[in-house]
Amino acid sequence: MNTNELVGKATSIKLRSFAAPQMRTFHLTWLAFFLCFFGWFGIAPLLPVVRDDLGLSNQQVFSSLIASVFITIFARIAIGWVLDRVGPRRAYTALLLIGSLPVMLIGLSQNFETLLIFRLLIGVIGASFVITQYHTSIMFAPNVVGTANATTAGWGNLGGGIAQLVMPLLMTGVLFFVANETLGWRIAMVIPGIALFLMGIVYYKFTQDAPEGDFKDLRAQGRVTRQNEPGAFAKAARDPRVWMLFLVYAACFGIELTINGMAALYFHDKFGLSVVLAGVIASLFGLMNIFARTMGGIFSDRFGIRFGLRGRVVFMGAVLLLEGLALIAFSRIDVLILAIPMLIVFSVCVQMSEGATYGVVPFVNKKALGAVAGIVGAGGNAGAVAAGFLLRAEGVAMEDALLYFGIIAIAVSPIALLVRFSKRAEADEQQRLDEALREKQGRPAAVLSGD
């Protein structure tokens, strides 16, 4: 029996609940991902200081950004394979503990080459996204899985926005004691690394792989051998829908990663703002994750309830189109007071697109959930790498690069509509959905969602 057949999936989300394993997993996955995202992009708002300290060119800065997202492509694909075998609890614990080290040690950078190596190593913690989506997909039923995936991912992505706001302030606080910017940014980066290490211990202690327990214990009982069947990873990799979703996620999350890495520098250079103020404004982009990605998941679930899997797909394509239009508008604005609200509009659209994408992912191949989540998640980083090369190209201004990103998102949006499901798959999912809705109405909420 695989974990998709395990009983006990939550059919509702009770945010104030921590008692049941489903809701403990919900809260600890988003918090772990939040800290990973914070550590991953903690250096981004400090780049104006780092650039001056290490004597970097803008091309070298963007090369370090490429490194931080390039390695995550392979990390996400690899972690998907690992998850199907060892389970999310141990995988997340290991990633948090090991990933904390380069975050704490990036302050040892003395030149472009060493900064590049540390940012490359830090990028591995971006695989945390796949674990987050995998773990909530196992814990929640079809009627709410899109909302659960979108909310945990969105609140985790919030770490990128909070980092834009907090890290300059944290460095300012350090400067009260060391009075040296060269040392200040280095010490400031130790703090998120410590938080990641401690979170690794918490995750191992308070979570479990599935509603009924850990994969290890379930295997010992003969109830689950592994999440997927032999050859499922290869089968997922041969599925054209997986690569269509790869492209869709490249056009939304890839752009979000890029904006997280460059927003503070963009506002600092284009509008002549201080490091702190540029970081505050840039943080607005990530802060929209507090609700925007969740909205994408909620709408995906509602479209799924009303129109089936096809409804989820159509919504995904529509919101990606809106993302591209909003980004084009943002790229053409030269007045700060207008750029800020348009940044927010674009942020809401891009994050809803991400939530909508992972409202579709759990239904593509249930026997290779880790593989599908990993490949699609890697698409986001592939998109960020491509965007990074465009940013560092000679003669391409940052605002022009943003224009091109918007055009690409619009061009990719029709591809989303090519993701199709067989009539048999639609019927099977409708049956599971009906069962989940009946269960939600017929069983006590305390059993299902931890109250």
Foldseek 3Di string as FASTA:
>chain_A
DALVPDPQAFLDADQVFCFAQLNVLLVLLLVLLLLLLLLLLLCQLVVVVVCVQQVHDVLLLLLLLLLLLVLCLVLLLVVLVVCQAFFLLVSSLVLLQQLLVLLLVCLVDRHSVSNSVSSNSSSSSLSSLLSSLLQNLSRHFLLCSLLSSLLSNLSSLLSLLVSLQVSVVQLVVVCVPVVDSSVSSNNSSNVSSVVSNVSSVVSNVRHARHSVGHPVVCVVVVNHRGLADPPVLVVLVPDVLLVLLLQLLLLQLLVVSQLSNCQLVCCCPLVVDDSNVSSNLSSLLSNLSNPLSSVLSNQLSVLCLVPNLLRLLLSLLVLLLVLLVLLLVLLPDSDPVVNSVSSNSNSSSSSSSVSSSSSNLCLPDSNSSSNSSSNSSSSSSVSNSVLSVQPSDPPQDPSNSSNVSSVSSNVSSVSSSVNDDDPVSRVVSNVSVVVSVVCVVPDDSCSNHRD
